[in-house]
PDB file of N, CA and C in Angstrom:
ATOM      1  N   MET A   1       0.841  -1.172   0.000  1.00  0.00           N
ATOM      2  CA  MET A   1       0.000   0.000   0.000  1.00  0.00           C
ATOM      3  C   MET A   1       0.888   1.238   0.000  1.00  0.00           C
ATOM      4  N   ILE A   2       0.528   2.207  -0.857  1.00  0.00           N
ATOM      5  CA  ILE A   2       1.310   3.429  -0.967  1.00  0.00           C
ATOM      6  C   ILE A   2       0.836   4.408   0.101  1.00  0.00           C
ATOM      7  N   ASN A   3       1.794   4.927   0.841  1.00  0.00           N
ATOM      8  CA  ASN A   3       1.480   5.872   1.913  1.00  0.00           C
ATOM      9  C   ASN A   3       2.108   7.219   1.558  1.00  0.00           C
ATOM     10  N   ASP A   4       1.320   8.074   0.902  1.00  0.00           N
ATOM     11  CA  ASP A   4       1.844   9.403   0.575  1.00  0.00           C
ATOM     12  C   ASP A   4       1.037  10.463   1.320  1.00  0.00           C
ATOM     13  N   ARG A   5       1.362  11.703   1.080  1.00  0.00           N
ATOM     14  CA  ARG A   5       0.722  12.799   1.802  1.00  0.00           C
ATOM     15  C   ARG A   5      -0.571  13.272   1.144  1.00  0.00           C
ATOM     16  N   GLY A   6      -0.993  12.680   0.058  1.00  0.00           N
ATOM     17  CA  GLY A   6      -2.226  13.070  -0.610  1.00  0.00           C
ATOM     18  C   GLY A   6      -2.096  14.447  -1.245  1.00  0.00           C
ATOM     19  N   ILE A   7      -3.103  15.250  -1.087  1.00  0.00           N
ATOM     20  CA  ILE A   7      -3.128  16.567  -1.729  1.00  0.00           C
ATOM     21  C   ILE A   7      -2.181  17.555  -1.045  1.00  0.00           C
ATOM     22  N   ILE A   8      -1.765  17.271   0.146  1.00  0.00           N
ATOM     23  CA  ILE A   8      -0.872  18.187   0.866  1.00  0.00           C
ATOM     24  C   ILE A   8       0.418  18.430   0.092  1.00  0.00           C
ATOM     25  N   LYS A   9       0.906  17.425  -0.608  1.00  0.00           N
ATOM     26  CA  LYS A   9       2.169  17.595  -1.320  1.00  0.00           C
ATOM     27  C   LYS A   9       2.061  18.555  -2.508  1.00  0.00           C
ATOM     28  N   TYR A  10       0.838  18.861  -2.981  1.00  0.00           N
ATOM     29  CA  TYR A  10       0.671  19.770  -4.113  1.00  0.00           C
ATOM     30  C   TYR A  10       0.428  21.211  -3.690  1.00  0.00           C
ATOM     31  N   GLN A  11       0.218  21.465  -2.432  1.00  0.00           N
ATOM     32  CA  GLN A  11      -0.044  22.825  -1.989  1.00  0.00           C
ATOM     33  C   GLN A  11       1.195  23.703  -2.060  1.00  0.00           C
ATOM     34  N   GLY A  12       2.353  23.147  -2.132  1.00  0.00           N
ATOM     35  CA  GLY A  12       3.575  23.934  -2.184  1.00  0.00           C
ATOM     36  C   GLY A  12       3.818  24.597  -3.530  1.00  0.00           C
ATOM     37  N   PHE A  13       3.046  24.273  -4.560  1.00  0.00           N
ATOM     38  CA  PHE A  13       3.253  24.842  -5.883  1.00  0.00           C
ATOM     39  C   PHE A  13       2.736  26.277  -6.002  1.00  0.00           C
ATOM     40  N   PHE A  14       1.844  26.672  -5.133  1.00  0.00           N
ATOM     41  CA  PHE A  14       1.287  28.018  -5.208  1.00  0.00           C
ATOM     42  C   PHE A  14       2.064  28.965  -4.309  1.00  0.00           C
ATOM     43  N   MET A  15       2.502  30.063  -4.893  1.00  0.00           N
ATOM     44  CA  MET A  15       3.171  31.097  -4.119  1.00  0.00           C
ATOM     45  C   MET A  15       2.104  31.931  -3.406  1.00  0.00           C
ATOM     46  N   PRO A  16       2.449  32.592  -2.326  1.00  0.00           N
ATOM     47  CA  PRO A  16       1.455  33.399  -1.605  1.00  0.00           C
ATOM     48  C   PRO A  16       0.810  34.468  -2.488  1.00  0.00           C
ATOM     49  N   GLU A  17       1.552  35.026  -3.428  1.00  0.00           N
ATOM     50  CA  GLU A  17       0.998  36.035  -4.321  1.00  0.00           C
ATOM     51  C   GLU A  17      -0.076  35.430  -5.225  1.00  0.00           C
ATOM     52  N   HIS A  18       0.153  34.187  -5.635  1.00  0.00           N
ATOM     53  CA  HIS A  18      -0.816  33.517  -6.495  1.00  0.00           C
ATOM     54  C   HIS A  18      -2.111  33.210  -5.744  1.00  0.00           C
ATOM     55  N   THR A  19      -1.996  32.731  -4.516  1.00  0.00           N
ATOM     56  CA  THR A  19      -3.197  32.424  -3.745  1.00  0.00           C
ATOM     57  C   THR A  19      -3.983  33.701  -3.441  1.00  0.00           C
ATOM     58  N   LYS A  20      -3.282  34.797  -3.160  1.00  0.00           N
ATOM     59  CA  LYS A  20      -3.958  36.075  -2.919  1.00  0.00           C
ATOM     60  C   LYS A  20      -4.687  36.531  -4.179  1.00  0.00           C
ATOM     61  N   MET A  21      -4.039  36.391  -5.340  1.00  0.00           N
ATOM     62  CA  MET A  21      -4.647  36.787  -6.601  1.00  0.00           C
ATOM     63  C   MET A  21      -5.877  35.926  -6.908  1.00  0.00           C
ATOM     64  N   LEU A  22      -5.803  34.633  -6.631  1.00  0.00           N
ATOM     65  CA  LEU A  22      -6.936  33.746  -6.868  1.00  0.00           C
ATOM     66  C   LEU A  22      -8.123  34.089  -5.962  1.00  0.00           C
ATOM     67  N   LYS A  23      -7.839  34.435  -4.697  1.00  0.00           N
ATOM     68  CA  LYS A  23      -8.914  34.830  -3.786  1.00  0.00           C
ATOM     69  C   LYS A  23      -9.566  36.129  -4.249  1.00  0.00           C
ATOM     70  N   GLU A  24      -8.778  37.097  -4.693  1.00  0.00           N
ATOM     71  CA  GLU A  24      -9.322  38.363  -5.183  1.00  0.00           C
ATOM     72  C   GLU A  24     -10.150  38.147  -6.449  1.00  0.00           C
ATOM     73  N   LEU A  25      -9.682  37.263  -7.325  1.00  0.00           N
ATOM     74  CA  LEU A  25     -10.418  36.963  -8.545  1.00  0.00           C
ATOM     75  C   LEU A  25     -11.759  36.311  -8.226  1.00  0.00           C
ATOM     76  N   ASN A  26     -11.763  35.388  -7.287  1.00  0.00           N
ATOM     77  CA  ASN A  26     -13.002  34.736  -6.874  1.00  0.00           C
ATOM     78  C   ASN A  26     -13.943  35.747  -6.225  1.00  0.00           C
ATOM     79  N   ASN A  27     -13.392  36.656  -5.444  1.00  0.00           N
ATOM     80  CA  ASN A  27     -14.187  37.691  -4.788  1.00  0.00           C
ATOM     81  C   ASN A  27     -14.798  38.631  -5.824  1.00  0.00           C
ATOM     82  N   ASP A  28     -14.048  38.993  -6.862  1.00  0.00           N
ATOM     83  CA  ASP A  28     -14.553  39.864  -7.920  1.00  0.00           C
ATOM     84  C   ASP A  28     -15.667  39.195  -8.718  1.00  0.00           C
ATOM     85  N   ASN A  29     -15.592  37.883  -8.898  1.00  0.00           N
ATOM     86  CA  ASN A  29     -16.621  37.163  -9.648  1.00  0.00           C
ATOM     87  C   ASN A  29     -17.945  37.118  -8.904  1.00  0.00           C
ATOM     88  N   GLN A  30     -17.918  37.230  -7.580  1.00  0.00           N
ATOM     89  CA  GLN A  30     -19.139  37.161  -6.789  1.00  0.00           C
ATOM     90  C   GLN A  30     -19.821  38.516  -6.644  1.00  0.00           C
ATOM     91  N   LYS A  31     -19.189  39.577  -7.056  1.00  0.00           N
ATOM     92  CA  LYS A  31     -19.765  40.915  -6.921  1.00  0.00           C
ATOM     93  C   LYS A  31     -20.894  41.113  -7.927  1.00  0.00           C
ATOM     94  N   GLY A  32     -21.891  41.897  -7.500  1.00  0.00           N
ATOM     95  CA  GLY A  32     -23.012  42.214  -8.371  1.00  0.00           C
ATOM     96  C   GLY A  32     -23.034  43.700  -8.671  1.00  0.00           C
ATOM     97  N   PRO A  33     -23.600  44.084  -9.809  1.00  0.00           N
ATOM     98  CA  PRO A  33     -23.658  45.510 -10.151  1.00  0.00           C
ATOM     99  C   PRO A  33     -24.700  46.232  -9.298  1.00  0.00           C
ATOM    100  N   ARG A  34     -24.496  47.524  -9.126  1.00  0.00           N
ATOM    101  CA  ARG A  34     -25.453  48.332  -8.365  1.00  0.00           C
ATOM    102  C   ARG A  34     -26.722  48.517  -9.204  1.00  0.00           C
ATOM    103  N   PRO A  35     -27.889  48.203  -8.643  1.00  0.00           N
ATOM    104  CA  PRO A  35     -29.124  48.379  -9.398  1.00  0.00           C
ATOM    105  C   PRO A  35     -29.451  49.871  -9.569  1.00  0.00           C
ATOM    106  N   GLN A  36     -29.984  50.195 -10.721  1.00  0.00           N
ATOM    107  CA  GLN A  36     -30.399  51.568 -11.002  1.00  0.00           C
ATOM    108  C   GLN A  36     -31.856  51.732 -10.563  1.00  0.00           C
ATOM    109  N   LEU A  37     -32.109  52.716  -9.708  1.00  0.00           N
ATOM    110  CA  LEU A  37     -33.450  52.957  -9.193  1.00  0.00           C
ATOM    111  C   LEU A  37     -34.036  54.200  -9.844  1.00  0.00           C
ATOM    112  N   ASP A  38     -35.322  54.133 -10.184  1.00  0.00           N
ATOM    113  CA  ASP A  38     -35.978  55.326 -10.707  1.00  0.00           C
ATOM    114  C   ASP A  38     -36.649  56.081  -9.553  1.00  0.00           C
ATOM    115  N   GLU A  39     -37.185  57.251  -9.838  1.00  0.00           N
ATOM    116  CA  GLU A  39     -37.751  58.092  -8.791  1.00  0.00           C
ATOM    117  C   GLU A  39     -38.957  57.448  -8.118  1.00  0.00           C
ATOM    118  N   GLY A  40     -39.736  56.681  -8.870  1.00  0.00           N
ATOM    119  CA  GLY A  40     -40.889  55.998  -8.295  1.00  0.00           C
ATOM    120  C   GLY A  40     -40.485  54.982  -7.245  1.00  0.00           C
ATOM    121  N   GLN A  41     -39.444  54.213  -7.523  1.00  0.00           N
ATOM    122  CA  GLN A  41     -38.960  53.224  -6.558  1.00  0.00           C
ATOM    123  C   GLN A  41     -38.415  53.903  -5.310  1.00  0.00           C
ATOM    124  N   ILE A  42     -37.695  55.008  -5.500  1.00  0.00           N
ATOM    125  CA  ILE A  42     -37.140  55.734  -4.357  1.00  0.00           C
ATOM    126  C   ILE A  42     -38.269  56.310  -3.507  1.00  0.00           C
ATOM    127  N   ASP A  43     -39.305  56.856  -4.144  1.00  0.00           N
ATOM    128  CA  ASP A  43     -40.446  57.386  -3.397  1.00  0.00           C
ATOM    129  C   ASP A  43     -41.158  56.290  -2.613  1.00  0.00           C
ATOM    130  N   ASP A  44     -41.324  55.117  -3.208  1.00  0.00           N
ATOM    131  CA  ASP A  44     -41.963  53.997  -2.509  1.00  0.00           C
ATOM    132  C   ASP A  44     -41.143  53.566  -1.295  1.00  0.00           C
ATOM    133  N   MET A  45     -39.816  53.514  -1.454  1.00  0.00           N
ATOM    134  CA  MET A  45     -38.954  53.142  -0.337  1.00  0.00           C
ATOM    135  C   MET A  45     -39.041  54.180   0.776  1.00  0.00           C
ATOM    136  N   GLU A  46     -39.020  55.458   0.407  1.00  0.00           N
ATOM    137  CA  GLU A  46     -39.130  56.517   1.412  1.00  0.00           C
ATOM    138  C   GLU A  46     -40.458  56.431   2.151  1.00  0.00           C
ATOM    139  N   GLN A  47     -41.533  56.137   1.431  1.00  0.00           N
ATOM    140  CA  GLN A  47     -42.855  56.012   2.051  1.00  0.00           C
ATOM    141  C   GLN A  47     -42.876  54.872   3.060  1.00  0.00           C
ATOM    142  N   LEU A  48     -42.306  53.725   2.704  1.00  0.00           N
ATOM    143  CA  LEU A  48     -42.264  52.586   3.630  1.00  0.00           C
ATOM    144  C   LEU A  48     -41.406  52.900   4.850  1.00  0.00           C
ATOM    145  N   ILE A  49     -40.308  53.609   4.656  1.00  0.00           N
ATOM    146  CA  ILE A  49     -39.440  53.968   5.779  1.00  0.00           C
ATOM    147  C   ILE A  49     -40.164  54.928   6.720  1.00  0.00           C
ATOM    148  N   LEU A  50     -40.849  55.928   6.176  1.00  0.00           N
ATOM    149  CA  LEU A  50     -41.596  56.867   7.011  1.00  0.00           C
ATOM    150  C   LEU A  50     -42.746  56.172   7.736  1.00  0.00           C
ATOM    151  N   GLU A  51     -43.401  55.224   7.068  1.00  0.00           N
ATOM    152  CA  GLU A  51     -44.479  54.466   7.703  1.00  0.00           C
ATOM    153  C   GLU A  51     -43.949  53.622   8.853  1.00  0.00           C
ATOM    154  N   SER A  52     -42.779  53.023   8.669  1.00  0.00           N
ATOM    155  CA  SER A  52     -42.171  52.226   9.728  1.00  0.00           C
ATOM    156  C   SER A  52     -41.764  53.104  10.906  1.00  0.00           C
ATOM    157  N   LEU A  53     -41.336  54.323  10.620  1.00  0.00           N
ATOM    158  CA  LEU A  53     -40.968  55.251  11.687  1.00  0.00           C
ATOM    159  C   LEU A  53     -42.192  55.611  12.527  1.00  0.00           C
ATOM    160  N   ALA A  54     -43.335  55.809  11.872  1.00  0.00           N
ATOM    161  CA  ALA A  54     -44.549  56.215  12.578  1.00  0.00           C
ATOM    162  C   ALA A  54     -45.219  55.054  13.310  1.00  0.00           C
ATOM    163  N   THR A  55     -45.262  53.869  12.675  1.00  0.00           N
ATOM    164  CA  THR A  55     -46.031  52.753  13.237  1.00  0.00           C
ATOM    165  C   THR A  55     -45.168  51.613  13.767  1.00  0.00           C
ATOM    166  N   GLN A  56     -43.867  51.722  13.641  1.00  0.00           N
ATOM    167  CA  GLN A  56     -42.924  50.688  14.101  1.00  0.00           C
ATOM    168  C   GLN A  56     -43.167  49.340  13.434  1.00  0.00           C
ATOM    169  N   THR A  57     -43.525  49.360  12.143  1.00  0.00           N
ATOM    170  CA  THR A  57     -43.668  48.113  11.401  1.00  0.00           C
ATOM    171  C   THR A  57     -42.286  47.601  11.005  1.00  0.00           C
ATOM    172  N   ILE A  58     -42.168  46.304  10.919  1.00  0.00           N
ATOM    173  CA  ILE A  58     -40.881  45.680  10.612  1.00  0.00           C
ATOM    174  C   ILE A  58     -40.672  45.659   9.104  1.00  0.00           C
ATOM    175  N   LEU A  59     -39.468  46.067   8.690  1.00  0.00           N
ATOM    176  CA  LEU A  59     -39.100  46.114   7.276  1.00  0.00           C
ATOM    177  C   LEU A  59     -37.890  45.239   7.012  1.00  0.00           C
ATOM    178  N   GLU A  60     -37.763  44.829   5.762  1.00  0.00           N
ATOM    179  CA  GLU A  60     -36.527  44.212   5.287  1.00  0.00           C
ATOM    180  C   GLU A  60     -35.874  45.227   4.356  1.00  0.00           C
ATOM    181  N   ILE A  61     -34.670  45.658   4.737  1.00  0.00           N
ATOM    182  CA  ILE A  61     -33.945  46.662   3.962  1.00  0.00           C
ATOM    183  C   ILE A  61     -32.743  45.985   3.339  1.00  0.00           C
ATOM    184  N   ILE A  62     -32.680  46.023   2.010  1.00  0.00           N
ATOM    185  CA  ILE A  62     -31.569  45.421   1.284  1.00  0.00           C
ATOM    186  C   ILE A  62     -30.640  46.541   0.844  1.00  0.00           C
ATOM    187  N   THR A  63     -29.364  46.391   1.176  1.00  0.00           N
ATOM    188  CA  THR A  63     -28.369  47.407   0.838  1.00  0.00           C
ATOM    189  C   THR A  63     -27.322  46.829  -0.094  1.00  0.00           C
ATOM    190  N   TRP A  64     -26.663  47.717  -0.823  1.00  0.00           N
ATOM    191  CA  TRP A  64     -25.579  47.344  -1.731  1.00  0.00           C
ATOM    192  C   TRP A  64     -24.362  48.166  -1.342  1.00  0.00           C
ATOM    193  N   LYS A  65     -23.230  47.475  -1.163  1.00  0.00           N
ATOM    194  CA  LYS A  65     -21.991  48.179  -0.846  1.00  0.00           C
ATOM    195  C   LYS A  65     -20.821  47.391  -1.419  1.00  0.00           C
ATOM    196  N   SER A  66     -20.041  48.045  -2.223  1.00  0.00           N
ATOM    197  CA  SER A  66     -18.828  47.471  -2.827  1.00  0.00           C
ATOM    198  C   SER A  66     -19.112  46.186  -3.593  1.00  0.00           C
ATOM    199  N   GLY A  67     -20.255  46.093  -4.223  1.00  0.00           N
ATOM    200  CA  GLY A  67     -20.562  44.943  -5.060  1.00  0.00           C
ATOM    201  C   GLY A  67     -21.319  43.831  -4.376  1.00  0.00           C
ATOM    202  N   PHE A  68     -21.592  43.967  -3.087  1.00  0.00           N
ATOM    203  CA  PHE A  68     -22.272  42.896  -2.357  1.00  0.00           C
ATOM    204  C   PHE A  68     -23.563  43.412  -1.752  1.00  0.00           C
ATOM    205  N   PHE A  69     -24.579  42.539  -1.741  1.00  0.00           N
ATOM    206  CA  PHE A  69     -25.873  42.859  -1.165  1.00  0.00           C
ATOM    207  C   PHE A  69     -25.959  42.286   0.242  1.00  0.00           C
ATOM    208  N   SER A  70     -26.621  43.017   1.124  1.00  0.00           N
ATOM    209  CA  SER A  70     -26.888  42.505   2.469  1.00  0.00           C
ATOM    210  C   SER A  70     -28.302  42.906   2.866  1.00  0.00           C
ATOM    211  N   SER A  71     -28.878  42.139   3.753  1.00  0.00           N
ATOM    212  CA  SER A  71     -30.256  42.351   4.160  1.00  0.00           C
ATOM    213  C   SER A  71     -30.294  42.629   5.660  1.00  0.00           C
ATOM    214  N   ARG A  72     -31.092  43.618   6.048  1.00  0.00           N
ATOM    215  CA  ARG A  72     -31.297  43.952   7.453  1.00  0.00           C
ATOM    216  C   ARG A  72     -32.801  43.931   7.715  1.00  0.00           C
ATOM    217  N   ILE A  73     -33.184  43.365   8.838  1.00  0.00           N
ATOM    218  CA  ILE A  73     -34.591  43.304   9.215  1.00  0.00           C
ATOM    219  C   ILE A  73     -34.752  44.031  10.545  1.00  0.00           C
ATOM    220  N   GLY A  74     -35.720  44.938  10.595  1.00  0.00           N
ATOM    221  CA  GLY A  74     -35.985  45.687  11.813  1.00  0.00           C
ATOM    222  C   GLY A  74     -36.950  46.812  11.537  1.00  0.00           C
ATOM    223  N   PHE A  75     -37.148  47.655  12.541  1.00  0.00           N
ATOM    224  CA  PHE A  75     -38.018  48.815  12.350  1.00  0.00           C
ATOM    225  C   PHE A  75     -37.198  50.085  12.487  1.00  0.00           C
ATOM    226  N   VAL A  76     -37.684  51.133  11.843  1.00  0.00           N
ATOM    227  CA  VAL A  76     -36.948  52.396  11.787  1.00  0.00           C
ATOM    228  C   VAL A  76     -37.105  53.120  13.114  1.00  0.00           C
ATOM    229  N   LYS A  77     -35.982  53.482  13.707  1.00  0.00           N
ATOM    230  CA  LYS A  77     -35.976  54.224  14.964  1.00  0.00           C
ATOM    231  C   LYS A  77     -35.948  55.730  14.709  1.00  0.00           C
ATOM    232  N   ARG A  78     -35.080  56.153  13.781  1.00  0.00           N
ATOM    233  CA  ARG A  78     -35.012  57.572  13.423  1.00  0.00           C
ATOM    234  C   ARG A  78     -34.359  57.735  12.065  1.00  0.00           C
ATOM    235  N   ILE A  79     -34.564  58.926  11.506  1.00  0.00           N
ATOM    236  CA  ILE A  79     -33.983  59.280  10.215  1.00  0.00           C
ATOM    237  C   ILE A  79     -33.200  60.563  10.410  1.00  0.00           C
ATOM    238  N   ASP A  80     -31.954  60.579   9.943  1.00  0.00           N
ATOM    239  CA  ASP A  80     -31.119  61.769  10.044  1.00  0.00           C
ATOM    240  C   ASP A  80     -30.968  62.365   8.645  1.00  0.00           C
ATOM    241  N   PRO A  81     -31.705  63.441   8.333  1.00  0.00           N
ATOM    242  CA  PRO A  81     -31.642  64.002   6.981  1.00  0.00           C
ATOM    243  C   PRO A  81     -30.323  64.716   6.682  1.00  0.00           C
ATOM    244  N   ILE A  82     -29.600  65.123   7.708  1.00  0.00           N
ATOM    245  CA  ILE A  82     -28.334  65.830   7.481  1.00  0.00           C
ATOM    246  C   ILE A  82     -27.256  64.861   7.010  1.00  0.00           C
ATOM    247  N   SER A  83     -27.089  63.759   7.740  1.00  0.00           N
ATOM    248  CA  SER A  83     -26.074  62.773   7.345  1.00  0.00           C
ATOM    249  C   SER A  83     -26.634  61.747   6.366  1.00  0.00           C
ATOM    250  N   LYS A  84     -27.933  61.845   6.057  1.00  0.00           N
ATOM    251  CA  LYS A  84     -28.613  60.945   5.114  1.00  0.00           C
ATOM    252  C   LYS A  84     -28.474  59.483   5.549  1.00  0.00           C
ATOM    253  N   LYS A  85     -28.824  59.242   6.817  1.00  0.00           N
ATOM    254  CA  LYS A  85     -28.769  57.889   7.369  1.00  0.00           C
ATOM    255  C   LYS A  85     -30.120  57.519   7.961  1.00  0.00           C
ATOM    256  N   VAL A  86     -30.400  56.227   7.891  1.00  0.00           N
ATOM    257  CA  VAL A  86     -31.591  55.652   8.496  1.00  0.00           C
ATOM    258  C   VAL A  86     -31.106  54.751   9.625  1.00  0.00           C
ATOM    259  N   PHE A  87     -31.666  54.925  10.804  1.00  0.00           N
ATOM    260  CA  PHE A  87     -31.288  54.108  11.948  1.00  0.00           C
ATOM    261  C   PHE A  87     -32.407  53.124  12.228  1.00  0.00           C
ATOM    262  N   ILE A  88     -32.061  51.831  12.223  1.00  0.00           N
ATOM    263  CA  ILE A  88     -33.056  50.795  12.493  1.00  0.00           C
ATOM    264  C   ILE A  88     -32.639  49.996  13.718  1.00  0.00           C
ATOM    265  N   ILE A  89     -33.624  49.378  14.341  1.00  0.00           N
ATOM    266  CA  ILE A  89     -33.360  48.452  15.439  1.00  0.00           C
ATOM    267  C   ILE A  89     -33.692  47.060  14.930  1.00  0.00           C
ATOM    268  N   ASN A  90     -32.693  46.169  14.954  1.00  0.00           N
ATOM    269  CA  ASN A  90     -32.891  44.823  14.417  1.00  0.00           C
ATOM    270  C   ASN A  90     -33.551  43.908  15.447  1.00  0.00           C
ATOM    271  N   GLU A  91     -33.653  42.622  15.130  1.00  0.00           N
ATOM    272  CA  GLU A  91     -34.324  41.657  16.001  1.00  0.00           C
ATOM    273  C   GLU A  91     -33.652  41.512  17.355  1.00  0.00           C
ATOM    274  N   LEU A  92     -32.348  41.768  17.396  1.00  0.00           N
ATOM    275  CA  LEU A  92     -31.600  41.621  18.644  1.00  0.00           C
ATOM    276  C   LEU A  92     -31.615  42.888  19.493  1.00  0.00           C
ATOM    277  N   GLY A  93     -32.247  43.950  18.992  1.00  0.00           N
ATOM    278  CA  GLY A  93     -32.306  45.197  19.733  1.00  0.00           C
ATOM    279  C   GLY A  93     -31.116  46.110  19.498  1.00  0.00           C
ATOM    280  N   THR A  94     -30.317  45.810  18.489  1.00  0.00           N
ATOM    281  CA  THR A  94     -29.135  46.612  18.183  1.00  0.00           C
ATOM    282  C   THR A  94     -29.505  47.733  17.229  1.00  0.00           C
ATOM    283  N   LEU A  95     -28.997  48.925  17.509  1.00  0.00           N
ATOM    284  CA  LEU A  95     -29.222  50.073  16.634  1.00  0.00           C
ATOM    285  C   LEU A  95     -28.205  50.028  15.502  1.00  0.00           C
ATOM    286  N   ILE A  96     -28.702  50.045  14.271  1.00  0.00           N
ATOM    287  CA  ILE A  96     -27.846  49.954  13.088  1.00  0.00           C
ATOM    288  C   ILE A  96     -28.095  51.180  12.226  1.00  0.00           C
ATOM    289  N   SER A  97     -27.005  51.810  11.767  1.00  0.00           N
ATOM    290  CA  SER A  97     -27.152  52.946  10.854  1.00  0.00           C
ATOM    291  C   SER A  97     -26.921  52.462   9.425  1.00  0.00           C
ATOM    292  N   ILE A  98     -27.779  52.922   8.532  1.00  0.00           N
ATOM    293  CA  ILE A  98     -27.694  52.549   7.123  1.00  0.00           C
ATOM    294  C   ILE A  98     -27.647  53.824   6.308  1.00  0.00           C
ATOM    295  N   ASP A  99     -26.658  53.920   5.444  1.00  0.00           N
ATOM    296  CA  ASP A  99     -26.550  55.059   4.549  1.00  0.00           C
ATOM    297  C   ASP A  99     -27.663  54.958   3.507  1.00  0.00           C
ATOM    298  N   PHE A 100     -28.434  56.038   3.354  1.00  0.00           N
ATOM    299  CA  PHE A 100     -29.607  55.982   2.480  1.00  0.00           C
ATOM    300  C   PHE A 100     -29.221  55.693   1.033  1.00  0.00           C
ATOM    301  N   PHE A 101     -28.040  56.123   0.595  1.00  0.00           N
ATOM    302  CA  PHE A 101     -27.628  55.906  -0.786  1.00  0.00           C
ATOM    303  C   PHE A 101     -27.283  54.444  -1.067  1.00  0.00           C
ATOM    304  N   ASN A 102     -27.070  53.641  -0.022  1.00  0.00           N
ATOM    305  CA  ASN A 102     -26.770  52.220  -0.208  1.00  0.00           C
ATOM    306  C   ASN A 102     -28.018  51.352  -0.252  1.00  0.00           C
ATOM    307  N   ILE A 103     -29.182  51.906   0.089  1.00  0.00           N
ATOM    308  CA  ILE A 103     -30.421  51.125   0.105  1.00  0.00           C
ATOM    309  C   ILE A 103     -30.890  50.872  -1.320  1.00  0.00           C
ATOM    310  N   THR A 104     -31.154  49.613  -1.633  1.00  0.00           N
ATOM    311  CA  THR A 104     -31.624  49.250  -2.972  1.00  0.00           C
ATOM    312  C   THR A 104     -33.061  48.766  -2.978  1.00  0.00           C
ATOM    313  N   ASN A 105     -33.551  48.264  -1.842  1.00  0.00           N
ATOM    314  CA  ASN A 105     -34.926  47.778  -1.796  1.00  0.00           C
ATOM    315  C   ASN A 105     -35.412  47.796  -0.349  1.00  0.00           C
ATOM    316  N   VAL A 106     -36.681  48.140  -0.166  1.00  0.00           N
ATOM    317  CA  VAL A 106     -37.328  48.119   1.138  1.00  0.00           C
ATOM    318  C   VAL A 106     -38.659  47.410   0.954  1.00  0.00           C
ATOM    319  N   SER A 107     -38.918  46.425   1.823  1.00  0.00           N
ATOM    320  CA  SER A 107     -40.189  45.715   1.730  1.00  0.00           C
ATOM    321  C   SER A 107     -40.676  45.397   3.145  1.00  0.00           C
ATOM    322  N   PRO A 108     -41.995  45.371   3.347  1.00  0.00           N
ATOM    323  CA  PRO A 108     -42.520  45.014   4.663  1.00  0.00           C
ATOM    324  C   PRO A 108     -42.263  43.537   4.955  1.00  0.00           C
ATOM    325  N   LYS A 109     -42.017  43.237   6.176  1.00  0.00           N
ATOM    326  CA  LYS A 109     -41.719  41.854   6.569  1.00  0.00           C
ATOM    327  C   LYS A 109     -42.912  41.253   7.257  1.00  0.00           C
TER     328      LYS A 109
END
């Protein structure tokens, strides 16, 4: 029976620069483009955010940053028009600030 190291013996062929480049390439392939929103969609999102602020309804807010989408669920605690941020409280009770320009979709949960 042959007793070798298996795949471990082939890991030495990649230089650290190559592995870093491969990780960056894989990361770039997973990025998505920023969706283009029209004024109607922005108005609908603003309406849902203001409604959540008044009635504390739970929303799902999807944001886009650097090519990746993320989802936050919670209700709007306050809106800061100067810094253009929306502050929500998530399920765990944590206050999260979201930059309004990163929001791509808002839907009731």
